[in-house]
Amino acid sequence: MAFDPQSLRFDAQGLIPAIAQDPETGEVLMMAWMNEEAVRRTLETGKVTYWSRSRKSFWVKGESSGHTQKLIDLRVDCDRDCLLVMVEQIGPACHTNRRSCFFTAIRNDAEVILTDPME
């Protein structure tokens, strides 16, 4: 059965959350948004493409930083309203220069920074 991005359940703004994960380690790297065209571009090029809500434009991960994401696998959740993007991450995924955007834990009612920026 051929995949049709129109079969996805986009929100009222035409967006769907996309969670980037390292397939080797299972580490969740980041979350961003895609629209239908970003999904198509990602599948066509193998370069993960997101939709920037603030800039209202497409951005290919690593386009300016060099910290690219190569598509390994694209998965759709059971409700078809969230994507899991399995990627080969080159360099940090987070704009804070960390491997993952999820570097802060809440423990004993306090924020704990788990990782420092990469050098």
PDB file of N, CA and C in Angstrom:
ATOM      1  N   MET A   1       0.850  -1.175   0.000  1.00  0.00           N
ATOM      2  CA  MET A   1       0.000   0.000   0.000  1.00  0.00           C
ATOM      3  C   MET A   1       0.897   1.240   0.000  1.00  0.00           C
ATOM      4  N   ALA A   2       0.668   2.129  -0.924  1.00  0.00           N
ATOM      5  CA  ALA A   2       1.462   3.352  -1.031  1.00  0.00           C
ATOM      6  C   ALA A   2       1.080   4.325   0.079  1.00  0.00           C
ATOM      7  N   PHE A   3       2.094   5.014   0.589  1.00  0.00           N
ATOM      8  CA  PHE A   3       1.855   6.008   1.641  1.00  0.00           C
ATOM      9  C   PHE A   3       1.413   7.323   1.031  1.00  0.00           C
ATOM     10  N   ASP A   4       0.389   7.914   1.618  1.00  0.00           N
ATOM     11  CA  ASP A   4      -0.106   9.219   1.196  1.00  0.00           C
ATOM     12  C   ASP A   4      -0.068  10.149   2.401  1.00  0.00           C
ATOM     13  N   PRO A   5       0.776  11.191   2.395  1.00  0.00           N
ATOM     14  CA  PRO A   5       0.840  12.110   3.539  1.00  0.00           C
ATOM     15  C   PRO A   5      -0.506  12.723   3.912  1.00  0.00           C
ATOM     16  N   GLN A   6      -1.429  12.784   2.961  1.00  0.00           N
ATOM     17  CA  GLN A   6      -2.753  13.319   3.274  1.00  0.00           C
ATOM     18  C   GLN A   6      -3.524  12.426   4.236  1.00  0.00           C
ATOM     19  N   SER A   7      -3.057  11.195   4.419  1.00  0.00           N
ATOM     20  CA  SER A   7      -3.723  10.272   5.354  1.00  0.00           C
ATOM     21  C   SER A   7      -3.392  10.598   6.814  1.00  0.00           C
ATOM     22  N   LEU A   8      -2.420  11.495   7.021  1.00  0.00           N
ATOM     23  CA  LEU A   8      -2.043  11.884   8.380  1.00  0.00           C
ATOM     24  C   LEU A   8      -3.068  12.855   8.945  1.00  0.00           C
ATOM     25  N   ARG A   9      -3.150  12.915  10.267  1.00  0.00           N
ATOM     26  CA  ARG A   9      -4.073  13.830  10.936  1.00  0.00           C
ATOM     27  C   ARG A   9      -3.297  15.058  11.404  1.00  0.00           C
ATOM     28  N   PHE A  10      -3.324  16.094  10.603  1.00  0.00           N
ATOM     29  CA  PHE A  10      -2.665  17.357  10.918  1.00  0.00           C
ATOM     30  C   PHE A  10      -3.584  18.180  11.813  1.00  0.00           C
ATOM     31  N   ASP A  11      -3.000  19.069  12.641  1.00  0.00           N
ATOM     32  CA  ASP A  11      -3.819  19.927  13.506  1.00  0.00           C
ATOM     33  C   ASP A  11      -4.450  21.060  12.689  1.00  0.00           C
ATOM     34  N   ALA A  12      -5.122  21.970  13.362  1.00  0.00           N
ATOM     35  CA  ALA A  12      -5.834  23.067  12.690  1.00  0.00           C
ATOM     36  C   ALA A  12      -4.895  23.975  11.900  1.00  0.00           C
ATOM     37  N   GLN A  13      -3.611  24.008  12.269  1.00  0.00           N
ATOM     38  CA  GLN A  13      -2.622  24.808  11.544  1.00  0.00           C
ATOM     39  C   GLN A  13      -1.946  24.006  10.422  1.00  0.00           C
ATOM     40  N   GLY A  14      -2.397  22.766  10.229  1.00  0.00           N
ATOM     41  CA  GLY A  14      -1.811  21.920   9.191  1.00  0.00           C
ATOM     42  C   GLY A  14      -0.499  21.293   9.597  1.00  0.00           C
ATOM     43  N   LEU A  15      -0.286  21.146  10.906  1.00  0.00           N
ATOM     44  CA  LEU A  15       0.984  20.626  11.426  1.00  0.00           C
ATOM     45  C   LEU A  15       0.797  19.306  12.161  1.00  0.00           C
ATOM     46  N   ILE A  16       1.896  18.560  12.240  1.00  0.00           N
ATOM     47  CA  ILE A  16       1.922  17.307  12.982  1.00  0.00           C
ATOM     48  C   ILE A  16       3.243  17.268  13.756  1.00  0.00           C
ATOM     49  N   PRO A  17       3.214  16.845  15.041  1.00  0.00           N
ATOM     50  CA  PRO A  17       4.477  16.749  15.783  1.00  0.00           C
ATOM     51  C   PRO A  17       5.354  15.624  15.227  1.00  0.00           C
ATOM     52  N   ALA A  18       6.646  15.890  15.191  1.00  0.00           N
ATOM     53  CA  ALA A  18       7.622  14.928  14.694  1.00  0.00           C
ATOM     54  C   ALA A  18       8.727  14.789  15.735  1.00  0.00           C
ATOM     55  N   ILE A  19       8.859  13.603  16.284  1.00  0.00           N
ATOM     56  CA  ILE A  19       9.862  13.328  17.314  1.00  0.00           C
ATOM     57  C   ILE A  19      11.054  12.644  16.647  1.00  0.00           C
ATOM     58  N   ALA A  20      12.230  13.237  16.760  1.00  0.00           N
ATOM     59  CA  ALA A  20      13.450  12.666  16.187  1.00  0.00           C
ATOM     60  C   ALA A  20      14.127  11.780  17.225  1.00  0.00           C
ATOM     61  N   GLN A  21      14.488  10.577  16.808  1.00  0.00           N
ATOM     62  CA  GLN A  21      15.084   9.590  17.709  1.00  0.00           C
ATOM     63  C   GLN A  21      16.259   8.910  17.026  1.00  0.00           C
ATOM     64  N   ASP A  22      17.278   8.595  17.809  1.00  0.00           N
ATOM     65  CA  ASP A  22      18.420   7.824  17.331  1.00  0.00           C
ATOM     66  C   ASP A  22      18.016   6.349  17.326  1.00  0.00           C
ATOM     67  N   PRO A  23      18.016   5.683  16.166  1.00  0.00           N
ATOM     68  CA  PRO A  23      17.574   4.291  16.118  1.00  0.00           C
ATOM     69  C   PRO A  23      18.530   3.316  16.800  1.00  0.00           C
ATOM     70  N   GLU A  24      19.779   3.696  16.928  1.00  0.00           N
ATOM     71  CA  GLU A  24      20.767   2.809  17.561  1.00  0.00           C
ATOM     72  C   GLU A  24      20.636   2.809  19.083  1.00  0.00           C
ATOM     73  N   THR A  25      20.465   3.995  19.667  1.00  0.00           N
ATOM     74  CA  THR A  25      20.455   4.105  21.130  1.00  0.00           C
ATOM     75  C   THR A  25      19.051   4.258  21.709  1.00  0.00           C
ATOM     76  N   GLY A  26      18.082   4.657  20.872  1.00  0.00           N
ATOM     77  CA  GLY A  26      16.740   4.925  21.360  1.00  0.00           C
ATOM     78  C   GLY A  26      16.598   6.316  21.965  1.00  0.00           C
ATOM     79  N   GLU A  27      17.677   7.077  21.984  1.00  0.00           N
ATOM     80  CA  GLU A  27      17.643   8.411  22.579  1.00  0.00           C
ATOM     81  C   GLU A  27      16.733   9.340  21.780  1.00  0.00           C
ATOM     82  N   VAL A  28      15.847  10.040  22.500  1.00  0.00           N
ATOM     83  CA  VAL A  28      15.001  11.046  21.875  1.00  0.00           C
ATOM     84  C   VAL A  28      15.837  12.313  21.742  1.00  0.00           C
ATOM     85  N   LEU A  29      15.954  12.813  20.520  1.00  0.00           N
ATOM     86  CA  LEU A  29      16.839  13.939  20.251  1.00  0.00           C
ATOM     87  C   LEU A  29      16.120  15.283  20.284  1.00  0.00           C
ATOM     88  N   MET A  30      14.941  15.346  19.702  1.00  0.00           N
ATOM     89  CA  MET A  30      14.230  16.618  19.616  1.00  0.00           C
ATOM     90  C   MET A  30      12.797  16.384  19.164  1.00  0.00           C
ATOM     91  N   MET A  31      12.014  17.438  19.263  1.00  0.00           N
ATOM     92  CA  MET A  31      10.659  17.438  18.727  1.00  0.00           C
ATOM     93  C   MET A  31      10.506  18.718  17.917  1.00  0.00           C
ATOM     94  N   ALA A  32       9.907  18.594  16.746  1.00  0.00           N
ATOM     95  CA  ALA A  32       9.631  19.756  15.910  1.00  0.00           C
ATOM     96  C   ALA A  32       8.334  19.473  15.154  1.00  0.00           C
ATOM     97  N   TRP A  33       7.977  20.377  14.271  1.00  0.00           N
ATOM     98  CA  TRP A  33       6.718  20.259  13.543  1.00  0.00           C
ATOM     99  C   TRP A  33       6.969  20.035  12.065  1.00  0.00           C
ATOM    100  N   MET A  34       6.079  19.292  11.445  1.00  0.00           N
ATOM    101  CA  MET A  34       6.087  19.115   9.998  1.00  0.00           C
ATOM    102  C   MET A  34       4.692  19.439   9.467  1.00  0.00           C
ATOM    103  N   ASN A  35       4.657  19.917   8.238  1.00  0.00           N
ATOM    104  CA  ASN A  35       3.387  19.987   7.531  1.00  0.00           C
ATOM    105  C   ASN A  35       3.455  18.940   6.421  1.00  0.00           C
ATOM    106  N   GLU A  36       2.415  18.867   5.609  1.00  0.00           N
ATOM    107  CA  GLU A  36       2.381  17.824   4.583  1.00  0.00           C
ATOM    108  C   GLU A  36       3.571  17.919   3.635  1.00  0.00           C
ATOM    109  N   GLU A  37       3.923  19.128   3.223  1.00  0.00           N
ATOM    110  CA  GLU A  37       5.041  19.308   2.298  1.00  0.00           C
ATOM    111  C   GLU A  37       6.375  18.933   2.946  1.00  0.00           C
ATOM    112  N   ALA A  38       6.556  19.214   4.228  1.00  0.00           N
ATOM    113  CA  ALA A  38       7.790  18.822   4.924  1.00  0.00           C
ATOM    114  C   ALA A  38       7.930  17.301   4.966  1.00  0.00           C
ATOM    115  N   VAL A  39       6.811  16.616   5.177  1.00  0.00           N
ATOM    116  CA  VAL A  39       6.836  15.147   5.155  1.00  0.00           C
ATOM    117  C   VAL A  39       7.255  14.670   3.768  1.00  0.00           C
ATOM    118  N   ARG A  40       6.657  15.233   2.744  1.00  0.00           N
ATOM    119  CA  ARG A  40       7.006  14.839   1.363  1.00  0.00           C
ATOM    120  C   ARG A  40       8.489  15.098   1.060  1.00  0.00           C
ATOM    121  N   ARG A  41       8.967  16.282   1.425  1.00  0.00           N
ATOM    122  CA  ARG A  41      10.375  16.631   1.167  1.00  0.00           C
ATOM    123  C   ARG A  41      11.322  15.691   1.900  1.00  0.00           C
ATOM    124  N   THR A  42      10.991  15.374   3.147  1.00  0.00           N
ATOM    125  CA  THR A  42      11.818  14.464   3.933  1.00  0.00           C
ATOM    126  C   THR A  42      11.913  13.101   3.258  1.00  0.00           C
ATOM    127  N   LEU A  43      10.778  12.580   2.813  1.00  0.00           N
ATOM    128  CA  LEU A  43      10.769  11.272   2.160  1.00  0.00           C
ATOM    129  C   LEU A  43      11.479  11.299   0.811  1.00  0.00           C
ATOM    130  N   GLU A  44      11.351  12.388   0.079  1.00  0.00           N
ATOM    131  CA  GLU A  44      11.971  12.488  -1.243  1.00  0.00           C
ATOM    132  C   GLU A  44      13.479  12.664  -1.188  1.00  0.00           C
ATOM    133  N   THR A  45      13.962  13.437  -0.210  1.00  0.00           N
ATOM    134  CA  THR A  45      15.390  13.783  -0.171  1.00  0.00           C
ATOM    135  C   THR A  45      16.199  12.961   0.825  1.00  0.00           C
ATOM    136  N   GLY A  46      15.540  12.404   1.849  1.00  0.00           N
ATOM    137  CA  GLY A  46      16.267  11.730   2.919  1.00  0.00           C
ATOM    138  C   GLY A  46      16.883  12.694   3.916  1.00  0.00           C
ATOM    139  N   LYS A  47      16.688  14.001   3.685  1.00  0.00           N
ATOM    140  CA  LYS A  47      17.140  15.040   4.613  1.00  0.00           C
ATOM    141  C   LYS A  47      15.919  15.495   5.396  1.00  0.00           C
ATOM    142  N   VAL A  48      15.980  15.415   6.721  1.00  0.00           N
ATOM    143  CA  VAL A  48      14.802  15.724   7.520  1.00  0.00           C
ATOM    144  C   VAL A  48      14.485  17.215   7.433  1.00  0.00           C
ATOM    145  N   THR A  49      13.257  17.494   7.023  1.00  0.00           N
ATOM    146  CA  THR A  49      12.781  18.853   6.801  1.00  0.00           C
ATOM    147  C   THR A  49      11.614  19.129   7.742  1.00  0.00           C
ATOM    148  N   TYR A  50      11.696  20.225   8.449  1.00  0.00           N
ATOM    149  CA  TYR A  50      10.652  20.623   9.395  1.00  0.00           C
ATOM    150  C   TYR A  50       9.997  21.917   8.931  1.00  0.00           C
ATOM    151  N   TRP A  51       8.921  22.293   9.614  1.00  0.00           N
ATOM    152  CA  TRP A  51       8.255  23.572   9.389  1.00  0.00           C
ATOM    153  C   TRP A  51       8.486  24.440  10.613  1.00  0.00           C
ATOM    154  N   SER A  52       9.059  25.602  10.417  1.00  0.00           N
ATOM    155  CA  SER A  52       9.295  26.542  11.511  1.00  0.00           C
ATOM    156  C   SER A  52       8.045  27.378  11.711  1.00  0.00           C
ATOM    157  N   ARG A  53       7.416  27.248  12.875  1.00  0.00           N
ATOM    158  CA  ARG A  53       6.218  28.034  13.165  1.00  0.00           C
ATOM    159  C   ARG A  53       6.549  29.506  13.335  1.00  0.00           C
ATOM    160  N   SER A  54       7.707  29.825  13.908  1.00  0.00           N
ATOM    161  CA  SER A  54       8.066  31.230  14.137  1.00  0.00           C
ATOM    162  C   SER A  54       8.461  31.937  12.839  1.00  0.00           C
ATOM    163  N   ARG A  55       9.220  31.247  11.989  1.00  0.00           N
ATOM    164  CA  ARG A  55       9.661  31.850  10.726  1.00  0.00           C
ATOM    165  C   ARG A  55       8.669  31.620   9.585  1.00  0.00           C
ATOM    166  N   LYS A  56       7.742  30.688   9.828  1.00  0.00           N
ATOM    167  CA  LYS A  56       6.761  30.311   8.799  1.00  0.00           C
ATOM    168  C   LYS A  56       7.457  29.901   7.498  1.00  0.00           C
ATOM    169  N   SER A  57       8.428  29.000   7.657  1.00  0.00           N
ATOM    170  CA  SER A  57       9.168  28.515   6.496  1.00  0.00           C
ATOM    171  C   SER A  57       9.730  27.123   6.795  1.00  0.00           C
ATOM    172  N   PHE A  58      10.151  26.437   5.735  1.00  0.00           N
ATOM    173  CA  PHE A  58      10.772  25.125   5.890  1.00  0.00           C
ATOM    174  C   PHE A  58      12.199  25.285   6.381  1.00  0.00           C
ATOM    175  N   TRP A  59      12.670  24.311   7.134  1.00  0.00           N
ATOM    176  CA  TRP A  59      14.091  24.259   7.477  1.00  0.00           C
ATOM    177  C   TRP A  59      14.563  22.816   7.447  1.00  0.00           C
ATOM    178  N   VAL A  60      15.632  22.618   6.725  1.00  0.00           N
ATOM    179  CA  VAL A  60      16.272  21.312   6.657  1.00  0.00           C
ATOM    180  C   VAL A  60      17.241  21.262   7.823  1.00  0.00           C
ATOM    181  N   LYS A  61      17.079  20.293   8.691  1.00  0.00           N
ATOM    182  CA  LYS A  61      17.925  20.198   9.885  1.00  0.00           C
ATOM    183  C   LYS A  61      19.388  20.163   9.467  1.00  0.00           C
ATOM    184  N   GLY A  62      20.161  21.083  10.019  1.00  0.00           N
ATOM    185  CA  GLY A  62      21.596  21.159   9.760  1.00  0.00           C
ATOM    186  C   GLY A  62      21.973  22.029   8.578  1.00  0.00           C
ATOM    187  N   GLU A  63      20.990  22.609   7.933  1.00  0.00           N
ATOM    188  CA  GLU A  63      21.219  23.437   6.751  1.00  0.00           C
ATOM    189  C   GLU A  63      22.220  24.569   7.015  1.00  0.00           C
ATOM    190  N   SER A  64      22.107  25.202   8.181  1.00  0.00           N
ATOM    191  CA  SER A  64      23.042  26.288   8.493  1.00  0.00           C
ATOM    192  C   SER A  64      24.112  25.861   9.496  1.00  0.00           C
ATOM    193  N   SER A  65      23.781  24.922  10.389  1.00  0.00           N
ATOM    194  CA  SER A  65      24.730  24.522  11.442  1.00  0.00           C
ATOM    195  C   SER A  65      25.660  23.391  11.027  1.00  0.00           C
ATOM    196  N   GLY A  66      25.238  22.612  10.037  1.00  0.00           N
ATOM    197  CA  GLY A  66      25.999  21.422   9.673  1.00  0.00           C
ATOM    198  C   GLY A  66      25.630  20.212  10.514  1.00  0.00           C
ATOM    199  N   HIS A  67      24.737  20.379  11.479  1.00  0.00           N
ATOM    200  CA  HIS A  67      24.313  19.293  12.368  1.00  0.00           C
ATOM    201  C   HIS A  67      23.094  18.608  11.753  1.00  0.00           C
ATOM    202  N   THR A  68      23.352  17.785  10.765  1.00  0.00           N
ATOM    203  CA  THR A  68      22.304  17.236   9.917  1.00  0.00           C
ATOM    204  C   THR A  68      21.613  16.009  10.504  1.00  0.00           C
ATOM    205  N   GLN A  69      20.445  15.740   9.948  1.00  0.00           N
ATOM    206  CA  GLN A  69      19.704  14.524  10.263  1.00  0.00           C
ATOM    207  C   GLN A  69      19.417  13.795   8.955  1.00  0.00           C
ATOM    208  N   LYS A  70      19.940  12.587   8.846  1.00  0.00           N
ATOM    209  CA  LYS A  70      19.666  11.730   7.692  1.00  0.00           C
ATOM    210  C   LYS A  70      18.518  10.808   8.074  1.00  0.00           C
ATOM    211  N   LEU A  71      17.498  10.761   7.253  1.00  0.00           N
ATOM    212  CA  LEU A  71      16.340   9.913   7.526  1.00  0.00           C
ATOM    213  C   LEU A  71      16.724   8.443   7.431  1.00  0.00           C
ATOM    214  N   ILE A  72      16.423   7.691   8.481  1.00  0.00           N
ATOM    215  CA  ILE A  72      16.609   6.245   8.483  1.00  0.00           C
ATOM    216  C   ILE A  72      15.256   5.565   8.306  1.00  0.00           C
ATOM    217  N   ASP A  73      14.248   6.047   9.038  1.00  0.00           N
ATOM    218  CA  ASP A  73      12.917   5.454   8.995  1.00  0.00           C
ATOM    219  C   ASP A  73      11.913   6.495   9.460  1.00  0.00           C
ATOM    220  N   LEU A  74      10.747   6.507   8.860  1.00  0.00           N
ATOM    221  CA  LEU A  74       9.668   7.410   9.281  1.00  0.00           C
ATOM    222  C   LEU A  74       8.506   6.540   9.733  1.00  0.00           C
ATOM    223  N   ARG A  75       8.063   6.753  10.973  1.00  0.00           N
ATOM    224  CA  ARG A  75       6.993   5.937  11.537  1.00  0.00           C
ATOM    225  C   ARG A  75       5.804   6.813  11.915  1.00  0.00           C
ATOM    226  N   VAL A  76       4.618   6.253  11.746  1.00  0.00           N
ATOM    227  CA  VAL A  76       3.364   6.940  12.035  1.00  0.00           C
ATOM    228  C   VAL A  76       2.728   6.257  13.234  1.00  0.00           C
ATOM    229  N   ASP A  77       2.253   7.047  14.210  1.00  0.00           N
ATOM    230  CA  ASP A  77       1.622   6.431  15.382  1.00  0.00           C
ATOM    231  C   ASP A  77       0.225   5.917  15.025  1.00  0.00           C
ATOM    232  N   CYS A  78      -0.379   5.183  15.953  1.00  0.00           N
ATOM    233  CA  CYS A  78      -1.648   4.496  15.713  1.00  0.00           C
ATOM    234  C   CYS A  78      -2.800   5.440  15.398  1.00  0.00           C
ATOM    235  N   ASP A  79      -2.765   6.661  15.902  1.00  0.00           N
ATOM    236  CA  ASP A  79      -3.817   7.642  15.621  1.00  0.00           C
ATOM    237  C   ASP A  79      -3.501   8.488  14.389  1.00  0.00           C
ATOM    238  N   ARG A  80      -2.314   8.287  13.826  1.00  0.00           N
ATOM    239  CA  ARG A  80      -1.854   9.006  12.632  1.00  0.00           C
ATOM    240  C   ARG A  80      -1.715  10.508  12.870  1.00  0.00           C
ATOM    241  N   ASP A  81      -1.491  10.893  14.170  1.00  0.00           N
ATOM    242  CA  ASP A  81      -1.369  12.324  14.491  1.00  0.00           C
ATOM    243  C   ASP A  81      -0.019  12.680  15.104  1.00  0.00           C
ATOM    244  N   CYS A  82       0.962  11.797  14.960  1.00  0.00           N
ATOM    245  CA  CYS A  82       2.311  12.043  15.461  1.00  0.00           C
ATOM    246  C   CYS A  82       3.276  11.185  14.654  1.00  0.00           C
ATOM    247  N   LEU A  83       4.458  11.738  14.383  1.00  0.00           N
ATOM    248  CA  LEU A  83       5.481  11.018  13.628  1.00  0.00           C
ATOM    249  C   LEU A  83       6.697  10.741  14.502  1.00  0.00           C
ATOM    250  N   LEU A  84       7.302   9.596  14.270  1.00  0.00           N
ATOM    251  CA  LEU A  84       8.591   9.256  14.879  1.00  0.00           C
ATOM    252  C   LEU A  84       9.584   9.204  13.726  1.00  0.00           C
ATOM    253  N   VAL A  85      10.553  10.099  13.773  1.00  0.00           N
ATOM    254  CA  VAL A  85      11.537  10.216  12.706  1.00  0.00           C
ATOM    255  C   VAL A  85      12.847   9.624  13.211  1.00  0.00           C
ATOM    256  N   MET A  86      13.176   8.454  12.708  1.00  0.00           N
ATOM    257  CA  MET A  86      14.416   7.800  13.099  1.00  0.00           C
ATOM    258  C   MET A  86      15.520   8.391  12.220  1.00  0.00           C
ATOM    259  N   VAL A  87      16.558   8.953  12.870  1.00  0.00           N
ATOM    260  CA  VAL A  87      17.564   9.716  12.142  1.00  0.00           C
ATOM    261  C   VAL A  87      18.984   9.317  12.523  1.00  0.00           C
ATOM    262  N   GLU A  88      19.870   9.518  11.576  1.00  0.00           N
ATOM    263  CA  GLU A  88      21.301   9.500  11.871  1.00  0.00           C
ATOM    264  C   GLU A  88      21.671  10.955  12.116  1.00  0.00           C
ATOM    265  N   GLN A  89      21.960  11.279  13.367  1.00  0.00           N
ATOM    266  CA  GLN A  89      22.259  12.652  13.767  1.00  0.00           C
ATOM    267  C   GLN A  89      23.756  12.901  13.688  1.00  0.00           C
ATOM    268  N   ILE A  90      24.125  13.929  12.939  1.00  0.00           N
ATOM    269  CA  ILE A  90      25.525  14.364  12.866  1.00  0.00           C
ATOM    270  C   ILE A  90      25.648  15.619  13.728  1.00  0.00           C
ATOM    271  N   GLY A  91      26.443  15.550  14.791  1.00  0.00           N
ATOM    272  CA  GLY A  91      26.582  16.680  15.700  1.00  0.00           C
ATOM    273  C   GLY A  91      25.385  16.780  16.629  1.00  0.00           C
ATOM    274  N   PRO A  92      25.288  17.882  17.374  1.00  0.00           N
ATOM    275  CA  PRO A  92      24.192  18.046  18.322  1.00  0.00           C
ATOM    276  C   PRO A  92      22.859  18.258  17.602  1.00  0.00           C
ATOM    277  N   ALA A  93      21.784  17.787  18.220  1.00  0.00           N
ATOM    278  CA  ALA A  93      20.442  18.004  17.673  1.00  0.00           C
ATOM    279  C   ALA A  93      19.845  19.307  18.186  1.00  0.00           C
ATOM    280  N   CYS A  94      20.272  19.731  19.366  1.00  0.00           N
ATOM    281  CA  CYS A  94      19.684  20.897  20.028  1.00  0.00           C
ATOM    282  C   CYS A  94      20.419  22.187  19.660  1.00  0.00           C
ATOM    283  N   HIS A  95      19.672  23.272  19.567  1.00  0.00           N
ATOM    284  CA  HIS A  95      20.296  24.569  19.262  1.00  0.00           C
ATOM    285  C   HIS A  95      21.192  25.061  20.406  1.00  0.00           C
ATOM    286  N   THR A  96      21.109  24.406  21.585  1.00  0.00           N
ATOM    287  CA  THR A  96      21.998  24.751  22.706  1.00  0.00           C
ATOM    288  C   THR A  96      23.329  24.006  22.608  1.00  0.00           C
ATOM    289  N   ASN A  97      23.522  23.303  21.487  1.00  0.00           N
ATOM    290  CA  ASN A  97      24.736  22.534  21.217  1.00  0.00           C
ATOM    291  C   ASN A  97      24.834  21.270  22.070  1.00  0.00           C
ATOM    292  N   ARG A  98      23.689  20.731  22.455  1.00  0.00           N
ATOM    293  CA  ARG A  98      23.644  19.456  23.175  1.00  0.00           C
ATOM    294  C   ARG A  98      23.153  18.366  22.235  1.00  0.00           C
ATOM    295  N   ARG A  99      23.489  17.146  22.539  1.00  0.00           N
ATOM    296  CA  ARG A  99      23.068  15.999  21.725  1.00  0.00           C
ATOM    297  C   ARG A  99      21.548  15.939  21.615  1.00  0.00           C
ATOM    298  N   SER A 100      20.845  16.200  22.704  1.00  0.00           N
ATOM    299  CA  SER A 100      19.389  16.118  22.750  1.00  0.00           C
ATOM    300  C   SER A 100      18.811  17.402  23.325  1.00  0.00           C
ATOM    301  N   CYS A 101      17.619  17.745  22.895  1.00  0.00           N
ATOM    302  CA  CYS A 101      16.913  18.898  23.473  1.00  0.00           C
ATOM    303  C   CYS A 101      16.383  18.579  24.870  1.00  0.00           C
ATOM    304  N   PHE A 102      16.314  17.294  25.205  1.00  0.00           N
ATOM    305  CA  PHE A 102      15.760  16.858  26.488  1.00  0.00           C
ATOM    306  C   PHE A 102      16.880  16.639  27.501  1.00  0.00           C
ATOM    307  N   PHE A 103      17.545  17.738  27.866  1.00  0.00           N
ATOM    308  CA  PHE A 103      18.691  17.664  28.781  1.00  0.00           C
ATOM    309  C   PHE A 103      18.364  18.123  30.190  1.00  0.00           C
ATOM    310  N   THR A 104      17.106  18.492  30.447  1.00  0.00           N
ATOM    311  CA  THR A 104      16.705  18.931  31.786  1.00  0.00           C
ATOM    312  C   THR A 104      15.712  17.938  32.370  1.00  0.00           C
ATOM    313  N   ALA A 105      16.012  17.433  33.554  1.00  0.00           N
ATOM    314  CA  ALA A 105      15.113  16.518  34.269  1.00  0.00           C
ATOM    315  C   ALA A 105      14.515  17.242  35.467  1.00  0.00           C
ATOM    316  N   ILE A 106      13.313  16.848  35.845  1.00  0.00           N
ATOM    317  CA  ILE A 106      12.689  17.354  37.061  1.00  0.00           C
ATOM    318  C   ILE A 106      12.791  16.245  38.094  1.00  0.00           C
ATOM    319  N   ARG A 107      13.577  16.477  39.117  1.00  0.00           N
ATOM    320  CA  ARG A 107      13.811  15.463  40.156  1.00  0.00           C
ATOM    321  C   ARG A 107      13.694  16.110  41.525  1.00  0.00           C
ATOM    322  N   ASN A 108      12.916  15.484  42.377  1.00  0.00           N
ATOM    323  CA  ASN A 108      12.705  16.009  43.726  1.00  0.00           C
ATOM    324  C   ASN A 108      12.322  17.489  43.687  1.00  0.00           C
ATOM    325  N   ASP A 109      11.430  17.822  42.778  1.00  0.00           N
ATOM    326  CA  ASP A 109      10.886  19.172  42.647  1.00  0.00           C
ATOM    327  C   ASP A 109      11.937  20.210  42.249  1.00  0.00           C
ATOM    328  N   ALA A 110      13.007  19.745  41.593  1.00  0.00           N
ATOM    329  CA  ALA A 110      14.057  20.665  41.140  1.00  0.00           C
ATOM    330  C   ALA A 110      14.482  20.293  39.724  1.00  0.00           C
ATOM    331  N   GLU A 111      14.928  21.305  38.988  1.00  0.00           N
ATOM    332  CA  GLU A 111      15.460  21.056  37.653  1.00  0.00           C
ATOM    333  C   GLU A 111      16.922  20.640  37.752  1.00  0.00           C
ATOM    334  N   VAL A 112      17.262  19.578  37.027  1.00  0.00           N
ATOM    335  CA  VAL A 112      18.620  19.057  37.012  1.00  0.00           C
ATOM    336  C   VAL A 112      19.084  19.008  35.557  1.00  0.00           C
ATOM    337  N   ILE A 113      20.192  19.660  35.259  1.00  0.00           N
ATOM    338  CA  ILE A 113      20.772  19.637  33.913  1.00  0.00           C
ATOM    339  C   ILE A 113      21.571  18.344  33.779  1.00  0.00           C
ATOM    340  N   LEU A 114      21.216  17.522  32.786  1.00  0.00           N
ATOM    341  CA  LEU A 114      21.813  16.206  32.622  1.00  0.00           C
ATOM    342  C   LEU A 114      23.064  16.198  31.763  1.00  0.00           C
ATOM    343  N   THR A 115      23.137  17.108  30.801  1.00  0.00           N
ATOM    344  CA  THR A 115      24.295  17.124  29.905  1.00  0.00           C
ATOM    345  C   THR A 115      24.750  18.541  29.629  1.00  0.00           C
ATOM    346  N   ASP A 116      26.019  18.686  29.446  1.00  0.00           N
ATOM    347  CA  ASP A 116      26.601  19.977  29.057  1.00  0.00           C
ATOM    348  C   ASP A 116      26.611  20.082  27.551  1.00  0.00           C
ATOM    349  N   PRO A 117      26.759  21.295  27.022  1.00  0.00           N
ATOM    350  CA  PRO A 117      26.897  21.442  25.570  1.00  0.00           C
ATOM    351  C   PRO A 117      28.107  20.661  25.062  1.00  0.00           C
ATOM    352  N   MET A 118      27.992  20.206  23.810  1.00  0.00           N
ATOM    353  CA  MET A 118      29.104  19.489  23.171  1.00  0.00           C
ATOM    354  C   MET A 118      30.179  20.504  22.796  1.00  0.00           C
ATOM    355  N   GLU A 119      31.411  20.054  22.732  1.00  0.00           N
ATOM    356  CA  GLU A 119      32.507  20.965  22.382  1.00  0.00           C
ATOM    357  C   GLU A 119      32.823  20.901  20.937  1.00  0.00           C
TER     358      GLU A 119
END
